[in-house]
Amino acid sequence: MVELSFMLGVLGNISAFLILLSPIGTFARIVKKRSTEDFSSFPYICMVLNASLWTYYGIIKPDALLVATVNGSGILISTVYLFLYLAFAPPKIRVRTAAIAAVMDVGFVVVAIWVSKFELEGESSINFTGFLCACFNILRYASPLSIMVRN
């Protein structure tokens, strides 16, 4: 018999995957109009960061394969969103978005992995990564509020 926790994990993965697909309507509009209009790139930058950290957490934490798999697909999907945004953004916004994405999605992830892998050991590494994931999970879901700030 399949364990209840595994079944709930699969249901959680399904719901997380559906949440990852929620911006499809926005990007259909961006592609159709060939413009990012007034949409902010920040939520999609945060999606990549969040999925990257959670994927790493799922890899280093024992028995967290479901966390790694859904967030691995999250990296792929959110990166596609980010590249679509960059493709249709005005040049000035494209440069700014690429710079922010480089710092947050590459730089910060590399530093976080470095610290957890080479500066911490065992459970401390897992706890540190989990704490970062929880913090950036809040940022990821609060990031759509960035539209309220004037550029």
N, C-alpha and C. Protein backbone atom coordinates (compact mmCIF):
# COMPACT_ATOMS: atom_id res chain seq x y z
N MET A 1 0.84 -1.18 0.00
CA MET A 1 0.00 0.00 0.00
C MET A 1 0.89 1.25 0.00
N VAL A 2 0.51 2.20 -0.80
CA VAL A 2 1.26 3.44 -0.91
C VAL A 2 1.06 4.26 0.36
N GLU A 3 2.16 4.81 0.86
CA GLU A 3 2.07 5.61 2.08
C GLU A 3 1.27 6.88 1.85
N LEU A 4 0.55 7.29 2.88
CA LEU A 4 -0.25 8.50 2.81
C LEU A 4 0.62 9.72 2.52
N SER A 5 1.78 9.79 3.14
CA SER A 5 2.65 10.96 2.93
C SER A 5 3.11 11.06 1.47
N PHE A 6 3.37 9.91 0.85
CA PHE A 6 3.76 9.92 -0.57
C PHE A 6 2.60 10.38 -1.44
N MET A 7 1.40 9.88 -1.15
CA MET A 7 0.23 10.28 -1.93
C MET A 7 -0.03 11.78 -1.79
N LEU A 8 0.09 12.29 -0.57
CA LEU A 8 -0.08 13.73 -0.37
C LEU A 8 1.02 14.52 -1.08
N GLY A 9 2.22 13.97 -1.10
CA GLY A 9 3.32 14.61 -1.83
C GLY A 9 3.04 14.70 -3.32
N VAL A 10 2.50 13.63 -3.88
CA VAL A 10 2.15 13.63 -5.30
C VAL A 10 1.05 14.66 -5.57
N LEU A 11 0.04 14.72 -4.70
CA LEU A 11 -1.01 15.73 -4.86
C LEU A 11 -0.42 17.14 -4.74
N GLY A 12 0.51 17.32 -3.83
CA GLY A 12 1.19 18.61 -3.69
C GLY A 12 1.96 18.97 -4.95
N ASN A 13 2.62 17.98 -5.55
CA ASN A 13 3.35 18.22 -6.79
C ASN A 13 2.41 18.62 -7.92
N ILE A 14 1.27 17.97 -7.99
CA ILE A 14 0.29 18.31 -9.03
C ILE A 14 -0.18 19.75 -8.86
N SER A 15 -0.52 20.12 -7.64
CA SER A 15 -0.98 21.50 -7.41
C SER A 15 0.14 22.50 -7.65
N ALA A 16 1.37 22.17 -7.26
CA ALA A 16 2.51 23.06 -7.50
C ALA A 16 2.75 23.23 -9.00
N PHE A 17 2.61 22.14 -9.74
CA PHE A 17 2.80 22.20 -11.19
C PHE A 17 1.74 23.09 -11.84
N LEU A 18 0.51 22.97 -11.37
CA LEU A 18 -0.57 23.82 -11.90
C LEU A 18 -0.31 25.29 -11.58
N ILE A 19 0.24 25.57 -10.41
CA ILE A 19 0.60 26.95 -10.07
C ILE A 19 1.70 27.46 -11.00
N LEU A 20 2.65 26.58 -11.34
CA LEU A 20 3.71 26.97 -12.27
C LEU A 20 3.14 27.35 -13.64
N LEU A 21 2.04 26.73 -14.01
CA LEU A 21 1.44 27.00 -15.32
C LEU A 21 0.53 28.23 -15.32
N SER A 22 0.25 28.78 -14.15
CA SER A 22 -0.71 29.90 -14.07
C SER A 22 -0.33 31.14 -14.88
N PRO A 23 0.95 31.46 -15.10
CA PRO A 23 1.27 32.64 -15.93
C PRO A 23 1.12 32.42 -17.44
N ILE A 24 0.68 31.26 -17.87
CA ILE A 24 0.58 31.01 -19.32
C ILE A 24 -0.30 32.05 -20.01
N GLY A 25 -1.40 32.43 -19.39
CA GLY A 25 -2.28 33.45 -19.99
C GLY A 25 -1.57 34.77 -20.19
N THR A 26 -0.79 35.16 -19.21
CA THR A 26 -0.02 36.41 -19.30
C THR A 26 0.97 36.33 -20.46
N PHE A 27 1.65 35.20 -20.59
CA PHE A 27 2.65 35.09 -21.65
C PHE A 27 2.03 34.88 -23.02
N ALA A 28 0.85 34.31 -23.08
CA ALA A 28 0.13 34.25 -24.36
C ALA A 28 -0.16 35.68 -24.83
N ARG A 29 -0.55 36.53 -23.90
CA ARG A 29 -0.83 37.94 -24.22
C ARG A 29 0.45 38.66 -24.64
N ILE A 30 1.54 38.43 -23.90
CA ILE A 30 2.82 39.07 -24.24
C ILE A 30 3.27 38.67 -25.64
N VAL A 31 3.18 37.39 -25.95
CA VAL A 31 3.60 36.90 -27.27
C VAL A 31 2.68 37.45 -28.36
N LYS A 32 1.39 37.43 -28.11
CA LYS A 32 0.42 37.91 -29.10
C LYS A 32 0.64 39.39 -29.40
N LYS A 33 0.84 40.19 -28.35
CA LYS A 33 1.04 41.64 -28.54
C LYS A 33 2.50 42.00 -28.81
N ARG A 34 3.38 41.01 -28.66
CA ARG A 34 4.81 41.22 -28.86
C ARG A 34 5.34 42.36 -27.99
N SER A 35 4.80 42.43 -26.78
CA SER A 35 5.17 43.48 -25.84
C SER A 35 4.92 43.00 -24.41
N THR A 36 5.80 43.40 -23.50
CA THR A 36 5.59 43.05 -22.09
C THR A 36 4.64 44.03 -21.41
N GLU A 37 4.24 45.07 -22.15
CA GLU A 37 3.33 46.09 -21.63
C GLU A 37 3.84 46.59 -20.28
N ASP A 38 2.98 46.59 -19.28
CA ASP A 38 3.37 47.05 -17.95
C ASP A 38 3.65 45.89 -16.99
N PHE A 39 3.80 44.69 -17.52
CA PHE A 39 4.08 43.54 -16.66
C PHE A 39 5.48 43.66 -16.09
N SER A 40 5.62 43.26 -14.84
CA SER A 40 6.92 43.26 -14.17
C SER A 40 7.61 41.92 -14.38
N SER A 41 8.92 41.96 -14.51
CA SER A 41 9.70 40.73 -14.64
C SER A 41 10.01 40.11 -13.28
N PHE A 42 9.86 40.88 -12.22
CA PHE A 42 10.28 40.43 -10.89
C PHE A 42 9.64 39.11 -10.45
N PRO A 43 8.35 38.89 -10.67
CA PRO A 43 7.78 37.59 -10.26
C PRO A 43 8.43 36.40 -10.96
N TYR A 44 8.85 36.58 -12.21
CA TYR A 44 9.43 35.47 -12.96
C TYR A 44 10.89 35.25 -12.56
N ILE A 45 11.59 36.33 -12.21
CA ILE A 45 12.94 36.20 -11.66
C ILE A 45 12.86 35.44 -10.33
N CYS A 46 11.88 35.79 -9.52
CA CYS A 46 11.70 35.12 -8.22
C CYS A 46 11.30 33.66 -8.39
N MET A 47 10.53 33.36 -9.45
CA MET A 47 10.15 31.97 -9.70
C MET A 47 11.38 31.11 -9.96
N VAL A 48 12.30 31.62 -10.79
CA VAL A 48 13.52 30.86 -11.10
C VAL A 48 14.35 30.67 -9.83
N LEU A 49 14.54 31.73 -9.07
CA LEU A 49 15.31 31.66 -7.82
C LEU A 49 14.70 30.65 -6.86
N ASN A 50 13.41 30.76 -6.65
CA ASN A 50 12.71 29.88 -5.72
C ASN A 50 12.81 28.41 -6.16
N ALA A 51 12.55 28.16 -7.43
CA ALA A 51 12.61 26.78 -7.93
C ALA A 51 14.03 26.23 -7.84
N SER A 52 15.02 27.06 -8.10
CA SER A 52 16.42 26.61 -8.03
C SER A 52 16.80 26.20 -6.61
N LEU A 53 16.46 27.04 -5.65
CA LEU A 53 16.80 26.72 -4.26
C LEU A 53 16.05 25.48 -3.77
N TRP A 54 14.76 25.38 -4.10
CA TRP A 54 13.99 24.21 -3.67
C TRP A 54 14.48 22.93 -4.35
N THR A 55 14.94 23.03 -5.59
CA THR A 55 15.50 21.85 -6.26
C THR A 55 16.75 21.39 -5.52
N TYR A 56 17.61 22.33 -5.20
CA TYR A 56 18.83 21.98 -4.45
C TYR A 56 18.47 21.36 -3.10
N TYR A 57 17.50 21.95 -2.42
CA TYR A 57 17.05 21.41 -1.14
C TYR A 57 16.55 19.97 -1.31
N GLY A 58 15.77 19.73 -2.34
CA GLY A 58 15.26 18.39 -2.59
C GLY A 58 16.35 17.38 -2.89
N ILE A 59 17.46 17.86 -3.44
CA ILE A 59 18.59 16.98 -3.74
C ILE A 59 19.37 16.63 -2.47
N ILE A 60 19.59 17.62 -1.59
CA ILE A 60 20.43 17.35 -0.42
C ILE A 60 19.66 16.75 0.75
N LYS A 61 18.35 16.91 0.77
CA LYS A 61 17.56 16.37 1.88
C LYS A 61 17.15 14.94 1.55
N PRO A 62 17.41 14.02 2.45
CA PRO A 62 17.00 12.63 2.20
C PRO A 62 15.48 12.52 2.03
N ASP A 63 15.06 11.66 1.15
CA ASP A 63 13.65 11.37 0.90
C ASP A 63 12.85 12.59 0.44
N ALA A 64 13.48 13.49 -0.30
CA ALA A 64 12.78 14.68 -0.79
C ALA A 64 12.77 14.72 -2.32
N LEU A 65 12.69 13.54 -2.92
CA LEU A 65 12.71 13.45 -4.38
C LEU A 65 11.57 14.24 -5.02
N LEU A 66 10.39 14.20 -4.42
CA LEU A 66 9.25 14.92 -4.99
C LEU A 66 9.50 16.43 -5.01
N VAL A 67 10.17 16.93 -3.98
CA VAL A 67 10.50 18.36 -3.93
C VAL A 67 11.44 18.71 -5.08
N ALA A 68 12.44 17.87 -5.30
CA ALA A 68 13.41 18.12 -6.36
C ALA A 68 12.77 18.03 -7.74
N THR A 69 11.89 17.08 -7.96
CA THR A 69 11.33 16.89 -9.30
C THR A 69 10.40 18.02 -9.71
N VAL A 70 9.49 18.40 -8.84
CA VAL A 70 8.55 19.46 -9.23
C VAL A 70 9.28 20.79 -9.38
N ASN A 71 10.26 21.04 -8.55
CA ASN A 71 10.99 22.30 -8.66
C ASN A 71 12.00 22.28 -9.80
N GLY A 72 12.49 21.10 -10.16
CA GLY A 72 13.31 20.99 -11.37
C GLY A 72 12.52 21.39 -12.60
N SER A 73 11.28 20.92 -12.67
CA SER A 73 10.42 21.35 -13.78
C SER A 73 10.08 22.83 -13.64
N GLY A 74 10.01 23.31 -12.41
CA GLY A 74 9.76 24.73 -12.16
C GLY A 74 10.88 25.61 -12.70
N ILE A 75 12.13 25.14 -12.57
CA ILE A 75 13.26 25.89 -13.14
C ILE A 75 13.07 26.02 -14.65
N LEU A 76 12.76 24.92 -15.29
CA LEU A 76 12.59 24.92 -16.74
C LEU A 76 11.45 25.85 -17.17
N ILE A 77 10.29 25.69 -16.57
CA ILE A 77 9.12 26.48 -16.94
C ILE A 77 9.34 27.97 -16.66
N SER A 78 9.84 28.29 -15.48
CA SER A 78 10.03 29.71 -15.14
C SER A 78 11.15 30.35 -15.96
N THR A 79 12.15 29.57 -16.37
CA THR A 79 13.19 30.09 -17.25
C THR A 79 12.61 30.41 -18.63
N VAL A 80 11.71 29.57 -19.11
CA VAL A 80 11.03 29.87 -20.38
C VAL A 80 10.26 31.18 -20.25
N TYR A 81 9.53 31.36 -19.15
CA TYR A 81 8.81 32.62 -18.92
C TYR A 81 9.78 33.80 -18.96
N LEU A 82 10.89 33.66 -18.27
CA LEU A 82 11.86 34.75 -18.19
C LEU A 82 12.44 35.07 -19.56
N PHE A 83 12.77 34.05 -20.36
CA PHE A 83 13.30 34.28 -21.70
C PHE A 83 12.25 34.92 -22.61
N LEU A 84 11.00 34.50 -22.48
CA LEU A 84 9.93 35.14 -23.25
C LEU A 84 9.81 36.61 -22.86
N TYR A 85 9.89 36.88 -21.57
CA TYR A 85 9.84 38.27 -21.10
C TYR A 85 10.98 39.07 -21.72
N LEU A 86 12.18 38.51 -21.67
CA LEU A 86 13.35 39.21 -22.22
C LEU A 86 13.21 39.43 -23.73
N ALA A 87 12.62 38.47 -24.42
CA ALA A 87 12.47 38.58 -25.87
C ALA A 87 11.56 39.73 -26.27
N PHE A 88 10.56 40.04 -25.46
CA PHE A 88 9.57 41.04 -25.84
C PHE A 88 9.67 42.33 -25.01
N ALA A 89 10.65 42.43 -24.14
CA ALA A 89 10.81 43.64 -23.32
C ALA A 89 11.55 44.72 -24.11
N PRO A 90 11.26 45.98 -23.82
CA PRO A 90 12.04 47.06 -24.43
C PRO A 90 13.51 46.94 -24.01
N PRO A 91 14.43 47.43 -24.83
CA PRO A 91 15.87 47.24 -24.56
C PRO A 91 16.32 47.65 -23.16
N LYS A 92 15.88 48.78 -22.67
CA LYS A 92 16.31 49.24 -21.34
C LYS A 92 15.83 48.28 -20.25
N ILE A 93 14.59 47.84 -20.34
CA ILE A 93 14.04 46.89 -19.36
C ILE A 93 14.70 45.52 -19.52
N ARG A 94 15.01 45.14 -20.75
CA ARG A 94 15.67 43.86 -21.01
C ARG A 94 17.02 43.80 -20.30
N VAL A 95 17.80 44.88 -20.41
CA VAL A 95 19.12 44.92 -19.77
C VAL A 95 18.97 44.86 -18.25
N ARG A 96 18.05 45.65 -17.71
CA ARG A 96 17.84 45.66 -16.25
C ARG A 96 17.37 44.30 -15.75
N THR A 97 16.44 43.70 -16.48
CA THR A 97 15.92 42.38 -16.09
C THR A 97 17.02 41.33 -16.14
N ALA A 98 17.82 41.34 -17.20
CA ALA A 98 18.91 40.37 -17.32
C ALA A 98 19.92 40.54 -16.19
N ALA A 99 20.21 41.78 -15.82
CA ALA A 99 21.17 42.03 -14.73
C ALA A 99 20.62 41.53 -13.39
N ILE A 100 19.37 41.83 -13.12
CA ILE A 100 18.76 41.38 -11.86
C ILE A 100 18.69 39.86 -11.83
N ALA A 101 18.31 39.25 -12.95
CA ALA A 101 18.24 37.78 -13.02
C ALA A 101 19.62 37.16 -12.83
N ALA A 102 20.64 37.77 -13.40
CA ALA A 102 22.00 37.23 -13.24
C ALA A 102 22.42 37.25 -11.78
N VAL A 103 22.14 38.34 -11.10
CA VAL A 103 22.52 38.45 -9.69
C VAL A 103 21.70 37.49 -8.83
N MET A 104 20.39 37.51 -9.01
CA MET A 104 19.52 36.70 -8.13
C MET A 104 19.51 35.22 -8.51
N ASP A 105 19.33 34.94 -9.79
CA ASP A 105 19.11 33.55 -10.21
C ASP A 105 20.39 32.77 -10.42
N VAL A 106 21.48 33.46 -10.64
CA VAL A 106 22.76 32.77 -10.80
C VAL A 106 23.65 33.06 -9.59
N GLY A 107 23.95 34.32 -9.38
CA GLY A 107 24.87 34.69 -8.30
C GLY A 107 24.43 34.22 -6.93
N PHE A 108 23.19 34.55 -6.58
CA PHE A 108 22.72 34.18 -5.25
C PHE A 108 22.64 32.67 -5.07
N VAL A 109 22.18 31.97 -6.09
CA VAL A 109 22.06 30.51 -6.00
C VAL A 109 23.45 29.88 -5.84
N VAL A 110 24.42 30.37 -6.60
CA VAL A 110 25.79 29.84 -6.50
C VAL A 110 26.34 30.07 -5.09
N VAL A 111 26.15 31.26 -4.55
CA VAL A 111 26.64 31.56 -3.19
C VAL A 111 25.93 30.68 -2.16
N ALA A 112 24.62 30.53 -2.29
CA ALA A 112 23.86 29.70 -1.34
C ALA A 112 24.33 28.25 -1.38
N ILE A 113 24.54 27.72 -2.57
CA ILE A 113 25.02 26.34 -2.70
C ILE A 113 26.44 26.23 -2.14
N TRP A 114 27.28 27.21 -2.44
CA TRP A 114 28.65 27.20 -1.93
C TRP A 114 28.66 27.16 -0.40
N VAL A 115 27.89 28.05 0.22
CA VAL A 115 27.85 28.10 1.69
C VAL A 115 27.35 26.78 2.25
N SER A 116 26.27 26.25 1.69
CA SER A 116 25.70 25.02 2.24
C SER A 116 26.60 23.82 2.00
N LYS A 117 27.33 23.82 0.90
CA LYS A 117 28.15 22.66 0.54
C LYS A 117 29.53 22.70 1.21
N PHE A 118 30.14 23.88 1.29
CA PHE A 118 31.53 23.96 1.73
C PHE A 118 31.74 24.62 3.09
N GLU A 119 30.75 25.34 3.58
CA GLU A 119 30.91 26.03 4.86
C GLU A 119 30.13 25.35 5.99
N LEU A 120 29.14 24.55 5.63
CA LEU A 120 28.30 23.87 6.62
C LEU A 120 28.36 22.37 6.38
N GLU A 121 27.97 21.62 7.40
CA GLU A 121 27.99 20.16 7.27
C GLU A 121 26.68 19.56 7.74
N GLY A 122 26.32 18.43 7.14
CA GLY A 122 25.19 17.63 7.60
C GLY A 122 23.88 18.37 7.71
N GLU A 123 23.29 18.24 8.89
CA GLU A 123 21.97 18.82 9.14
C GLU A 123 21.99 20.34 9.06
N SER A 124 23.10 20.96 9.42
CA SER A 124 23.21 22.43 9.33
C SER A 124 23.05 22.91 7.89
N SER A 125 23.63 22.17 6.96
CA SER A 125 23.52 22.51 5.55
C SER A 125 22.07 22.42 5.08
N ILE A 126 21.39 21.35 5.48
CA ILE A 126 19.98 21.16 5.10
C ILE A 126 19.11 22.24 5.74
N ASN A 127 19.35 22.53 7.01
CA ASN A 127 18.56 23.56 7.70
C ASN A 127 18.78 24.95 7.10
N PHE A 128 20.02 25.27 6.78
CA PHE A 128 20.34 26.56 6.15
C PHE A 128 19.61 26.69 4.82
N THR A 129 19.69 25.65 4.00
CA THR A 129 19.04 25.69 2.69
C THR A 129 17.53 25.75 2.85
N GLY A 130 16.98 24.99 3.78
CA GLY A 130 15.54 25.03 4.03
C GLY A 130 15.07 26.39 4.49
N PHE A 131 15.87 27.05 5.34
CA PHE A 131 15.53 28.39 5.80
C PHE A 131 15.52 29.38 4.63
N LEU A 132 16.55 29.30 3.78
CA LEU A 132 16.59 30.17 2.60
C LEU A 132 15.38 29.91 1.70
N CYS A 133 15.05 28.64 1.52
CA CYS A 133 13.89 28.29 0.69
C CYS A 133 12.61 28.89 1.25
N ALA A 134 12.44 28.80 2.56
CA ALA A 134 11.23 29.37 3.18
C ALA A 134 11.19 30.88 2.99
N CYS A 135 12.33 31.54 3.18
CA CYS A 135 12.37 33.00 3.00
C CYS A 135 12.06 33.39 1.56
N PHE A 136 12.68 32.71 0.61
CA PHE A 136 12.47 33.05 -0.79
C PHE A 136 11.12 32.57 -1.31
N ASN A 137 10.52 31.62 -0.62
CA ASN A 137 9.15 31.23 -0.96
C ASN A 137 8.20 32.40 -0.68
N ILE A 138 8.43 33.07 0.44
CA ILE A 138 7.63 34.26 0.78
C ILE A 138 7.85 35.33 -0.29
N LEU A 139 9.12 35.56 -0.66
CA LEU A 139 9.42 36.54 -1.70
C LEU A 139 8.75 36.18 -3.01
N ARG A 140 8.78 34.93 -3.38
CA ARG A 140 8.19 34.48 -4.64
C ARG A 140 6.70 34.77 -4.69
N TYR A 141 6.00 34.50 -3.61
CA TYR A 141 4.56 34.72 -3.61
C TYR A 141 4.18 36.17 -3.33
N ALA A 142 5.10 36.95 -2.77
CA ALA A 142 4.84 38.38 -2.57
C ALA A 142 5.28 39.20 -3.78
N SER A 143 6.10 38.62 -4.65
CA SER A 143 6.68 39.37 -5.77
C SER A 143 5.65 40.00 -6.72
N PRO A 144 4.49 39.42 -6.93
CA PRO A 144 3.51 40.13 -7.78
C PRO A 144 3.10 41.48 -7.21
N LEU A 145 3.30 41.68 -5.92
CA LEU A 145 2.98 42.98 -5.32
C LEU A 145 3.95 44.07 -5.78
N SER A 146 5.05 43.68 -6.42
CA SER A 146 6.02 44.66 -6.91
C SER A 146 5.40 45.60 -7.94
N ILE A 147 4.31 45.20 -8.54
CA ILE A 147 3.62 46.05 -9.51
C ILE A 147 3.12 47.33 -8.85
N MET A 148 2.96 47.29 -7.54
CA MET A 148 2.47 48.47 -6.82
C MET A 148 3.55 49.55 -6.67
N VAL A 149 4.82 49.18 -6.92
CA VAL A 149 5.93 50.12 -6.83
C VAL A 149 6.17 50.71 -8.21
N ARG A 150 6.29 52.01 -8.28
CA ARG A 150 6.55 52.68 -9.57
C ARG A 150 7.98 52.40 -10.01
N ASN A 151 8.16 52.11 -11.30
CA ASN A 151 9.50 51.88 -11.85
C ASN A 151 10.21 53.19 -12.07
